[in-house]
């Protein structure tokens, strides 16, 4: 799949406080986050992310106004000619996520490198590019309308390629003079963007050597791509392309089996007004062949132990937690990497007629249990995932439930954005 150079926008390299312009990716922001970034003039969140209380038409008007104001003020600049870029993220997982990782995955810091460009028009229907999750239609349409209104893609989709020879990363490291294995950002070429956001460092370089650019494109061209993060943005681009709009999605390509790329499950939390733990147990016993109640008050360690046990034994299912207990639900009806999600959602949506758009999706077992304590609801915890399994399902054209996988690290809004179509 060819990766096209782009005339990218990014914070002005002369700005000594570019960290005030960037924000976490749009769909991770809550009300407090919006208030925090709204107070920062020209921050990318003010034109890329909609607060939940703001109607979509008003958001689109505001996004256009604030984007125009940020560009007019020179907060972001557009490079004079197209190029590929390198996006590097150095991060340390928060403690609640770190404790969910297997021992072999744990290290003090992680450094991920990616190559940024655009996918060509029509690419979203290519069999060489595979999404692996369903999406929420309302969120997709919001991204469609934002793209139509601003003619801009504000954060790159993250996609993974699988090259066992590491030639892409080796070439990037050589060009920049980086030592990725030593977690060193210090190279021979200064970055265009160097910002810290919530403890994570984001850096961006422009590739000005045409020979290096062409070699990278050559190495990446035969690769099939798995969409890792940004399914709603990818689906929005697909929808626009299907309508005849020649959009070319901004994308960062990363090595899919890089040890700095972490894969975890999203967990679900349902408020007590929707479902209580006793109700879940009662209805679940008639659906699942095995419902094993665990000793109460086991906490995070007991939940993690149960989830890892499911995977170690090759079983499909999930762990439910709520006042006053914890239980493991096992199923024989499904297989494949998405089988746990399929069993859970078949039960919640099919049997209980619950709408997944009303669920809360949380990043860790600890945050799920904290939410249960606050809301007295139910947490449905999913076991660990494997990249190989997700890839196998995706290229067999089987998609998992919405918000199944959480790939880390995530790109930030405002580090790099680009016109969505020619002439923008």
Protein backbone atom coordinates (compact mmCIF):
# COMPACT_ATOMS: atom_id res chain seq x y z
CA UNK A 1 0.00 0.00 0.00
CA UNK A 2 1.58 3.24 -1.15
CA UNK A 3 2.16 5.92 1.49
CA UNK A 4 1.85 9.42 0.05
CA UNK A 5 3.80 12.48 1.20
CA UNK A 6 1.66 15.23 2.76
CA UNK A 7 1.90 19.01 3.25
CA UNK A 8 1.50 18.75 6.97
CA UNK A 9 0.54 21.28 9.61
CA UNK A 10 2.31 21.18 12.96
CA UNK A 11 3.13 23.61 15.79
CA UNK A 12 5.54 26.35 14.75
CA UNK A 13 9.04 24.98 15.55
CA UNK A 14 9.95 28.41 16.95
CA UNK A 15 7.22 28.12 19.60
CA UNK A 16 8.90 27.29 22.88
CA UNK A 17 5.67 26.19 24.50
CA UNK A 18 4.07 24.02 21.83
CA UNK A 19 2.83 21.68 24.58
CA UNK A 20 -0.01 24.19 25.06
CA UNK A 21 -1.25 23.34 21.54
CA UNK A 22 -1.56 19.55 21.77
CA UNK A 23 -4.13 17.33 23.47
CA UNK A 24 -4.97 13.64 23.86
CA UNK A 25 -6.75 12.12 20.89
CA UNK A 26 -10.33 13.38 20.59
CA UNK A 27 -12.29 10.29 21.70
CA UNK A 28 -10.41 9.94 25.00
CA UNK A 29 -11.43 13.33 26.41
CA UNK A 30 -13.98 13.68 29.19
CA UNK A 31 -15.69 16.84 30.50
CA UNK A 32 -12.80 17.80 32.79
CA UNK A 33 -10.31 17.31 29.94
CA UNK A 34 -12.33 19.59 27.68
CA UNK A 35 -12.37 22.30 30.32
CA UNK A 36 -8.60 21.96 30.77
CA UNK A 37 -7.78 22.30 27.08
CA UNK A 38 -10.43 24.92 26.37
CA UNK A 39 -8.43 27.29 28.58
CA UNK A 40 -5.41 27.05 26.26
CA UNK A 41 -5.66 29.37 23.23
CA UNK A 42 -5.46 27.54 19.90
CA UNK A 43 -5.20 24.10 21.51
CA UNK A 44 -6.03 21.37 18.97
CA UNK A 45 -8.80 19.98 21.18
CA UNK A 46 -10.82 23.15 20.58
CA UNK A 47 -11.31 22.23 16.91
CA UNK A 48 -10.91 18.43 16.89
CA UNK A 49 -12.97 17.21 19.85
CA UNK A 50 -16.65 17.82 20.63
CA UNK A 51 -17.75 18.24 24.26
CA UNK A 52 -20.72 15.93 24.84
CA UNK A 53 -23.08 18.79 25.69
CA UNK A 54 -22.33 20.70 22.45
CA UNK A 55 -24.65 19.85 19.52
CA UNK A 56 -22.85 18.67 16.40
CA UNK A 57 -23.85 21.66 14.18
CA UNK A 58 -22.53 24.11 16.79
CA UNK A 59 -19.36 22.06 17.17
CA UNK A 60 -18.72 22.15 13.42
CA UNK A 61 -19.13 25.93 13.32
CA UNK A 62 -16.85 26.32 16.30
CA UNK A 63 -14.25 23.91 14.92
CA UNK A 64 -14.00 25.86 11.68
CA UNK A 65 -13.75 29.19 13.48
CA UNK A 66 -11.11 28.00 15.94
CA UNK A 67 -9.05 26.21 13.34
CA UNK A 68 -9.03 29.36 11.21
CA UNK A 69 -8.05 31.45 14.24
CA UNK A 70 -5.20 29.09 15.18
CA UNK A 71 -3.80 29.15 11.65
CA UNK A 72 -4.19 32.93 11.35
CA UNK A 73 -2.31 33.38 14.62
CA UNK A 74 0.55 31.23 13.34
CA UNK A 75 0.20 28.70 16.15
CA UNK A 76 0.38 25.95 13.52
CA UNK A 77 2.33 26.23 10.28
CA UNK A 78 2.07 24.28 7.04
CA UNK A 79 5.24 23.03 5.37
CA UNK A 80 5.79 24.37 1.84
CA UNK A 81 6.10 20.98 0.13
CA UNK A 82 4.87 17.42 0.71
CA UNK A 83 6.98 14.96 2.69
CA UNK A 84 6.83 11.92 4.90
CA UNK A 85 7.35 12.44 8.63
CA UNK A 86 8.60 10.42 11.58
CA UNK A 87 6.46 10.42 14.72
CA UNK A 88 8.09 9.09 17.90
CA UNK A 89 6.37 8.53 21.24
CA UNK A 90 8.20 7.81 24.46
CA UNK A 91 5.85 6.78 27.25
CA UNK A 92 5.47 5.09 30.59
CA UNK A 93 2.13 3.33 31.21
CA UNK A 94 0.16 4.58 34.22
CA UNK A 95 0.28 2.20 37.21
CA UNK A 96 -3.24 0.85 36.67
CA UNK A 97 -2.33 -0.21 33.13
CA UNK A 98 1.16 -1.44 34.03
CA UNK A 99 -0.24 -3.91 36.55
CA UNK A 100 -2.42 -5.42 33.81
CA UNK A 101 0.62 -6.27 31.66
CA UNK A 102 2.24 -9.66 31.68
CA UNK A 103 5.66 -9.74 33.33
CA UNK A 104 7.48 -10.20 29.99
CA UNK A 105 5.91 -6.98 28.68
CA UNK A 106 6.94 -4.75 31.55
CA UNK A 107 9.77 -2.25 31.21
CA UNK A 108 10.39 1.22 32.65
CA UNK A 109 9.88 3.10 29.37
CA UNK A 110 8.76 2.42 25.82
CA UNK A 111 9.74 4.19 22.59
CA UNK A 112 7.66 3.70 19.45
CA UNK A 113 8.55 5.03 16.00
CA UNK A 114 6.13 5.53 13.12
CA UNK A 115 6.21 6.90 9.58
CA UNK A 116 3.47 9.42 8.77
CA UNK A 117 1.93 9.99 5.37
CA UNK A 118 -1.43 9.62 3.65
CA UNK A 119 -3.15 6.59 2.18
CA UNK A 120 -4.30 7.11 -1.42
CA UNK A 121 -7.95 7.71 -2.35
CA UNK A 122 -9.78 4.39 -2.64
CA UNK A 123 -7.39 2.67 -0.26
CA UNK A 124 -9.95 2.04 2.48
CA UNK A 125 -11.64 -0.64 0.35
CA UNK A 126 -8.34 -2.43 -0.35
CA UNK A 127 -8.05 -6.04 0.90
CA UNK A 128 -4.56 -5.05 2.07
CA UNK A 129 -6.04 -2.82 4.81
CA UNK A 130 -8.15 -4.42 7.52
CA UNK A 131 -10.05 -2.85 10.41
CA UNK A 132 -10.83 -5.21 13.28
CA UNK A 133 -13.60 -3.44 15.28
CA UNK A 134 -17.14 -2.34 14.64
CA UNK A 135 -17.84 1.35 15.16
CA UNK A 136 -20.60 3.55 16.56
CA UNK A 137 -22.46 5.11 13.65
CA UNK A 138 -23.05 8.48 15.31
CA UNK A 139 -19.35 8.90 16.02
CA UNK A 140 -18.46 8.01 12.44
CA UNK A 141 -20.93 10.54 11.03
CA UNK A 142 -19.52 13.23 13.29
CA UNK A 143 -16.03 12.56 11.88
CA UNK A 144 -17.49 12.57 8.35
CA UNK A 145 -19.09 15.97 8.88
CA UNK A 146 -15.97 17.39 10.55
CA UNK A 147 -13.84 16.28 7.59
CA UNK A 148 -16.30 17.74 5.10
CA UNK A 149 -16.45 21.03 6.96
CA UNK A 150 -12.75 21.55 7.69
CA UNK A 151 -11.31 19.47 4.81
CA UNK A 152 -8.70 18.34 7.33
CA UNK A 153 -7.62 15.16 9.11
CA UNK A 154 -6.57 16.19 12.61
CA UNK A 155 -4.74 13.13 13.94
CA UNK A 156 -3.24 10.19 12.09
CA UNK A 157 -4.89 6.80 12.12
CA UNK A 158 -2.46 4.23 13.51
CA UNK A 159 -1.92 1.13 11.36
CA UNK A 160 0.49 -1.75 11.81
CA UNK A 161 2.63 -3.46 9.19
CA UNK A 162 4.50 -6.72 9.74
CA UNK A 163 8.14 -6.73 8.63
CA UNK A 164 10.30 -9.14 10.55
CA UNK A 165 13.51 -7.59 9.24
CA UNK A 166 12.97 -4.19 11.00
CA UNK A 167 14.31 -2.40 7.91
CA UNK A 168 11.89 0.51 8.21
CA UNK A 169 12.78 1.30 11.81
CA UNK A 170 16.48 0.72 11.12
CA UNK A 171 16.39 3.21 8.23
CA UNK A 172 14.52 5.79 10.31
CA UNK A 173 16.96 5.42 13.20
CA UNK A 174 19.92 5.76 10.87
CA UNK A 175 18.49 8.88 9.20
CA UNK A 176 17.70 10.59 12.51
CA UNK A 177 20.70 9.26 14.43
CA UNK A 178 18.48 7.75 17.15
CA UNK A 179 19.12 4.77 19.40
CA UNK A 180 15.63 3.40 19.84
CA UNK A 181 16.76 0.27 21.67
CA UNK A 182 18.55 2.50 24.15
CA UNK A 183 15.39 4.64 24.44
CA UNK A 184 17.40 7.65 23.30
CA UNK A 185 15.65 10.53 21.57
CA UNK A 186 18.90 12.45 21.10
CA UNK A 187 19.91 12.29 17.45
CA UNK A 188 21.68 14.30 14.81
CA UNK A 189 18.52 16.01 13.49
CA UNK A 190 16.48 18.32 15.72
CA UNK A 191 12.73 17.59 15.74
CA UNK A 192 10.11 19.98 14.38
CA UNK A 193 7.92 19.22 17.39
CA UNK A 194 9.06 18.20 20.87
CA UNK A 195 6.26 18.26 23.43
CA UNK A 196 5.31 16.51 26.63
CA UNK A 197 1.67 15.70 27.25
CA UNK A 198 0.54 14.10 30.50
CA UNK A 199 3.93 12.46 31.01
CA UNK A 200 4.33 11.20 27.44
CA UNK A 201 6.82 12.76 25.02
CA UNK A 202 5.81 13.29 21.37
CA UNK A 203 8.35 14.22 18.71
CA UNK A 204 8.00 14.85 15.00
CA UNK A 205 10.62 15.04 12.25
CA UNK A 206 10.20 15.85 8.56
CA UNK A 207 12.10 13.58 6.13
CA UNK A 208 13.84 15.94 3.71
CA UNK A 209 16.04 13.32 2.02
CA UNK A 210 14.22 12.14 -1.13
CA UNK A 211 16.30 8.97 -1.31
CA UNK A 212 15.31 8.01 2.24
CA UNK A 213 11.68 8.88 1.53
CA UNK A 214 11.57 6.71 -1.60
CA UNK A 215 13.27 3.82 0.21
CA UNK A 216 10.72 3.98 3.02
CA UNK A 217 7.86 4.01 0.52
CA UNK A 218 9.42 1.05 -1.28
CA UNK A 219 9.76 -0.93 1.97
CA UNK A 220 6.19 -0.16 3.04
CA UNK A 221 4.46 -0.50 -0.36
CA UNK A 222 3.97 -4.32 -0.33
CA UNK A 223 2.82 -4.43 3.28
CA UNK A 224 -0.72 -5.22 4.33
CA UNK A 225 -1.95 -2.99 7.13
CA UNK A 226 -4.00 -3.68 10.24
CA UNK A 227 -5.88 -0.67 11.61
CA UNK A 228 -4.79 -0.45 15.25
CA UNK A 229 -6.26 2.82 16.51
CA UNK A 230 -8.63 5.26 14.84
CA UNK A 231 -11.40 2.98 13.56
CA UNK A 232 -13.97 5.79 13.56
CA UNK A 233 -11.65 8.05 11.54
CA UNK A 234 -10.87 5.18 9.15
CA UNK A 235 -14.56 4.31 8.73
CA UNK A 236 -15.38 7.99 8.16
CA UNK A 237 -12.78 8.10 5.38
CA UNK A 238 -14.23 4.89 3.94
CA UNK A 239 -17.70 6.39 3.95
CA UNK A 240 -16.52 9.55 2.21
CA UNK A 241 -14.58 7.55 -0.38
CA UNK A 242 -17.68 5.44 -1.05
CA UNK A 243 -19.57 8.69 -1.72
CA UNK A 244 -16.99 9.69 -4.30
CA UNK A 245 -15.04 12.14 -2.12
CA UNK A 246 -11.30 11.60 -2.83
CA UNK A 247 -10.00 11.75 0.73
CA UNK A 248 -6.56 10.41 1.60
CA UNK A 249 -6.49 9.46 5.30
CA UNK A 250 -3.58 10.73 7.37
CA UNK A 251 -1.89 7.61 8.79
CA UNK A 252 1.08 6.66 10.94
CA UNK A 253 2.53 3.24 10.14
CA UNK A 254 4.22 1.37 12.99
CA UNK A 255 5.86 -2.01 13.24
CA UNK A 256 3.03 -4.23 14.44
CA UNK A 257 5.15 -6.53 16.57
CA UNK A 258 7.25 -3.78 18.10
CA UNK A 259 7.77 -4.45 21.81
CA UNK A 260 6.85 -0.82 22.47
CA UNK A 261 3.35 -1.38 21.06
CA UNK A 262 1.05 -2.60 23.83
CA UNK A 263 -2.29 -4.33 23.33
CA UNK A 264 -4.86 -4.46 26.12
CA UNK A 265 -8.63 -5.02 26.25
CA UNK A 266 -11.22 -2.35 26.96
CA UNK A 267 -13.51 -3.31 29.85
CA UNK A 268 -17.19 -2.46 30.19
CA UNK A 269 -18.97 -0.85 33.12
CA UNK A 270 -22.77 -0.77 33.33
CA UNK A 271 -24.52 1.47 35.88
CA UNK A 272 -26.83 -0.11 38.46
CA UNK A 273 -29.79 1.57 36.75
CA UNK A 274 -29.11 -0.64 33.73
CA UNK A 275 -28.00 -3.90 35.35
CA UNK A 276 -27.19 -5.14 38.85
CA UNK A 277 -24.80 -7.92 39.76
CA UNK A 278 -27.54 -10.26 41.11
CA UNK A 279 -29.51 -9.74 37.86
CA UNK A 280 -26.42 -10.53 35.82
CA UNK A 281 -25.82 -13.74 37.77
CA UNK A 282 -29.43 -14.87 37.51
CA UNK A 283 -29.70 -14.27 33.76
CA UNK A 284 -26.18 -15.51 33.08
CA UNK A 285 -26.75 -18.92 34.62
CA UNK A 286 -29.33 -19.70 31.93
CA UNK A 287 -27.03 -18.58 29.12
CA UNK A 288 -23.53 -19.77 30.07
CA UNK A 289 -22.59 -23.40 30.78
CA UNK A 290 -20.30 -22.38 33.64
CA UNK A 291 -20.68 -19.47 36.05
CA UNK A 292 -18.08 -19.79 38.79
CA UNK A 293 -18.49 -17.48 41.76
CA UNK A 294 -15.19 -16.42 43.33
CA UNK A 295 -14.57 -15.40 46.94
CA UNK A 296 -15.82 -11.84 47.52
CA UNK A 297 -13.51 -8.89 48.02
CA UNK A 298 -10.72 -10.41 45.94
CA UNK A 299 -9.98 -7.07 44.35
CA UNK A 300 -7.76 -6.31 41.38
CA UNK A 301 -5.32 -9.20 41.91
CA UNK A 302 -8.11 -11.79 42.00
CA UNK A 303 -9.72 -10.35 38.86
CA UNK A 304 -6.41 -10.32 36.97
CA UNK A 305 -5.69 -13.87 38.08
CA UNK A 306 -9.08 -15.05 36.81
CA UNK A 307 -8.65 -13.28 33.46
CA UNK A 308 -5.18 -14.71 32.91
CA UNK A 309 -6.50 -18.12 33.89
CA UNK A 310 -9.12 -17.96 31.14
CA UNK A 311 -6.48 -17.27 28.55
CA UNK A 312 -3.92 -19.74 29.91
CA UNK A 313 -6.53 -22.53 29.78
CA UNK A 314 -7.65 -21.64 26.26
CA UNK A 315 -11.14 -20.76 27.49
CA UNK A 316 -13.52 -18.05 26.27
CA UNK A 317 -15.51 -15.85 28.60
CA UNK A 318 -15.30 -12.86 30.91
CA UNK A 319 -15.20 -11.89 34.57
CA UNK A 320 -18.06 -9.93 36.12
CA UNK A 321 -17.63 -7.82 39.24
CA UNK A 322 -20.24 -5.97 41.26
CA UNK A 323 -21.57 -5.59 44.74
CA UNK A 324 -21.26 -8.03 46.37
CA UNK A 325 -19.02 -10.41 44.40
CA UNK A 326 -17.05 -11.65 41.42
CA UNK A 327 -17.74 -14.48 38.96
CA UNK A 328 -16.17 -16.08 35.90
CA UNK A 329 -18.53 -16.70 32.96
CA UNK A 330 -17.31 -19.36 30.51
CA UNK A 331 -18.72 -20.17 27.08
CA UNK A 332 -18.26 -22.94 24.49
CA UNK A 333 -20.17 -21.14 21.74
CA UNK A 334 -17.40 -18.96 20.34
CA UNK A 335 -13.79 -19.22 19.26
CA UNK A 336 -11.22 -16.89 17.78
CA UNK A 337 -9.67 -13.82 19.34
CA UNK A 338 -12.97 -11.93 19.42
CA UNK A 339 -14.85 -14.81 21.02
CA UNK A 340 -14.88 -13.33 24.51
CA UNK A 341 -16.41 -10.09 23.23
CA UNK A 342 -18.85 -11.95 21.00
CA UNK A 343 -20.12 -14.03 23.92
CA UNK A 344 -20.44 -11.00 26.19
CA UNK A 345 -22.20 -8.79 23.64
CA UNK A 346 -24.49 -11.58 22.47
CA UNK A 347 -25.60 -11.82 26.08
CA UNK A 348 -25.82 -8.09 26.85
CA UNK A 349 -27.29 -6.97 23.52
CA UNK A 350 -29.14 -10.11 22.41
CA UNK A 351 -30.48 -11.53 25.67
CA UNK A 352 -30.72 -8.39 27.81
CA UNK A 353 -31.40 -5.93 24.95
CA UNK A 354 -28.86 -3.40 26.21
CA UNK A 355 -27.43 -0.73 23.93
CA UNK A 356 -23.59 -0.74 23.90
CA UNK A 357 -23.54 2.99 23.23
CA UNK A 358 -24.69 3.37 26.85
CA UNK A 359 -21.79 1.39 28.32
CA UNK A 360 -18.74 3.00 29.87
CA UNK A 361 -15.46 1.72 28.44
CA UNK A 362 -12.55 1.77 30.87
CA UNK A 363 -8.87 1.13 30.33
CA UNK A 364 -7.94 -1.14 33.23
CA UNK A 365 -9.24 -3.62 35.77
CA UNK A 366 -8.50 -1.18 38.58
CA UNK A 367 -10.43 1.66 36.96
CA UNK A 368 -13.35 -0.71 36.32
CA UNK A 369 -13.49 -1.79 39.96
CA UNK A 370 -13.23 1.83 41.10
CA UNK A 371 -16.18 2.68 38.85
CA UNK A 372 -18.22 -0.17 40.31
CA UNK A 373 -17.57 1.10 43.81
CA UNK A 374 -18.72 4.59 42.85
CA UNK A 375 -21.76 3.60 40.81
CA UNK A 376 -22.75 0.27 42.41
CA UNK A 377 -23.08 -1.18 38.93
CA UNK A 378 -21.43 -4.09 37.14
CA UNK A 379 -18.02 -4.38 35.49
CA UNK A 380 -17.51 -6.89 32.69
CA UNK A 381 -13.79 -7.58 32.41
CA UNK A 382 -12.20 -9.12 29.31
CA UNK A 383 -9.07 -11.31 29.21
CA UNK A 384 -5.77 -10.41 27.52
CA UNK A 385 -5.52 -10.34 23.72
CA UNK A 386 -2.86 -11.38 21.24
CA UNK A 387 -1.85 -9.36 18.21
CA UNK A 388 -1.64 -12.53 16.13
CA UNK A 389 -5.23 -13.41 17.00
CA UNK A 390 -6.55 -9.93 16.25
CA UNK A 391 -4.71 -9.89 12.91
CA UNK A 392 -6.01 -13.36 11.99
CA UNK A 393 -9.61 -12.33 12.65
CA UNK A 394 -9.25 -9.03 10.80
CA UNK A 395 -7.85 -10.52 7.59
CA UNK A 396 -10.53 -13.20 7.71
CA UNK A 397 -13.02 -10.27 7.56
CA UNK A 398 -14.38 -10.94 11.04
CA UNK A 399 -14.65 -7.80 13.15
CA UNK A 400 -14.81 -7.62 16.91
CA UNK A 401 -17.22 -5.59 19.04
CA UNK A 402 -16.86 -1.83 19.39
CA UNK A 403 -14.03 -0.75 21.71
CA UNK A 404 -12.43 -4.18 21.97
CA UNK A 405 -8.74 -3.39 21.71
CA UNK A 406 -6.69 -0.65 23.30
CA UNK A 407 -3.35 -0.15 21.58
CA UNK A 408 -0.81 2.02 23.37
CA UNK A 409 0.71 4.52 22.93
CA UNK A 410 -1.79 6.85 21.32
CA UNK A 411 -0.99 9.77 19.06
CA UNK A 412 -1.85 13.28 20.24
CA UNK A 413 -4.04 15.86 18.53
CA UNK A 414 -2.08 18.80 17.17
CA UNK A 415 1.36 17.20 16.69
CA UNK A 416 0.61 16.73 12.99
CA UNK A 417 -2.48 17.23 10.84
CA UNK A 418 -3.00 17.54 7.13
CA UNK A 419 -5.44 18.36 4.33
CA UNK A 420 -7.93 15.54 3.84
CA UNK A 421 -8.09 15.95 0.06
CA UNK A 422 -6.25 17.64 -2.75
CA UNK A 423 -6.83 21.36 -2.99
CA UNK A 424 -7.58 21.75 0.74
